[in-house]
Amino acid sequence: MTFVGCITIALALAGTVFSATVQKPNIVLPPSAAANRAAVEKIYIESYAAYKLVQHVQYFVICYSTYR
C-alpha cells in the first residue's frame, strides 16, 4: 500500500468514534482519596506555574537576544 493510501485510510477512520467504560461503575474510594486528590492538585498547580515561568523567561531571552 502506498503512503497516500495509508493516509487516506487513516483520515477515513479518523471520524470513527468508539466509546467504552473505562472505570468500574459504582466504584468506592477509600477515605484517603480526598487528601490524595488535594495533594495531586497542589503538585499540578505548582508544576504548571513553574512551567509558565520558564516559558516567559525563554520568551524574554529570545526577544532580548533578537533586539540586542
Protein backbone atom coordinates (compact mmCIF):
# COMPACT_ATOMS: atom_id res chain seq x y z
CA MET A 1 0.00 0.00 0.00
CA THR A 2 1.29 3.45 -0.85
CA PHE A 3 1.79 6.30 1.56
CA VAL A 4 -1.16 8.16 0.07
CA GLY A 5 -3.32 5.07 0.52
CA CYS A 6 -2.34 4.80 4.18
CA ILE A 7 -3.12 8.48 4.76
CA THR A 8 -6.48 8.10 3.01
CA ILE A 9 -7.47 5.18 5.22
CA ALA A 10 -6.26 6.96 8.35
CA LEU A 11 -8.31 10.05 7.50
CA ALA A 12 -11.37 7.95 6.68
CA LEU A 13 -11.17 6.21 10.06
CA ALA A 14 -10.41 9.41 11.98
CA GLY A 15 -14.10 10.24 12.17
CA THR A 16 -14.96 6.87 13.64
CA VAL A 17 -15.92 7.11 17.29
CA PHE A 18 -15.58 4.34 19.83
CA SER A 19 -16.58 4.66 23.43
CA ALA A 20 -16.31 2.27 26.31
CA THR A 21 -16.49 2.40 30.07
CA VAL A 22 -13.03 2.97 31.46
CA GLN A 23 -13.79 2.90 35.14
CA LYS A 24 -15.71 0.31 37.10
CA PRO A 25 -19.25 1.57 37.80
CA ASN A 26 -20.17 2.28 41.42
CA ILE A 27 -16.53 2.47 42.46
CA VAL A 28 -15.98 3.21 46.15
CA LEU A 29 -12.97 5.32 47.00
CA PRO A 30 -11.06 4.96 50.28
CA PRO A 31 -11.28 7.74 52.86
CA SER A 32 -7.75 8.89 51.98
CA ALA A 33 -8.81 9.70 48.40
CA ALA A 34 -9.75 13.30 49.20
CA ALA A 35 -6.33 14.01 50.74
CA ASN A 36 -4.57 12.36 47.81
CA ARG A 37 -6.65 14.38 45.37
CA ALA A 38 -5.72 17.60 47.14
CA ALA A 39 -2.01 16.66 47.07
CA VAL A 40 -2.09 15.83 43.36
CA GLU A 41 -3.95 19.05 42.57
CA LYS A 42 -1.36 21.07 44.52
CA ILE A 43 1.52 19.37 42.69
CA TYR A 44 -0.15 20.04 39.33
CA ILE A 45 -0.78 23.71 40.07
CA GLU A 46 2.78 24.29 41.31
CA SER A 47 4.31 22.43 38.37
CA TYR A 48 2.22 24.34 35.85
CA ALA A 49 3.17 27.66 37.47
CA ALA A 50 6.86 26.72 37.16
CA TYR A 51 6.31 25.69 33.53
CA LYS A 52 4.66 29.03 32.72
CA LEU A 53 7.52 30.90 34.41
CA VAL A 54 10.09 29.04 32.30
CA GLN A 55 8.10 29.80 29.15
CA HIS A 56 8.06 33.52 29.99
CA VAL A 57 11.79 33.54 30.74
CA GLN A 58 12.56 31.75 27.47
CA TYR A 59 10.38 34.24 25.58
CA PHE A 60 12.16 37.15 27.25
CA VAL A 61 15.59 35.70 26.41
CA ILE A 62 14.59 35.19 22.77
CA CYS A 63 13.16 38.71 22.48
CA TYR A 64 16.13 40.26 24.26
CA SER A 65 18.68 38.46 22.11
CA THR A 66 16.77 39.37 18.93
CA TYR A 67 16.62 43.09 19.60
CA ARG A 68 20.00 43.45 21.24
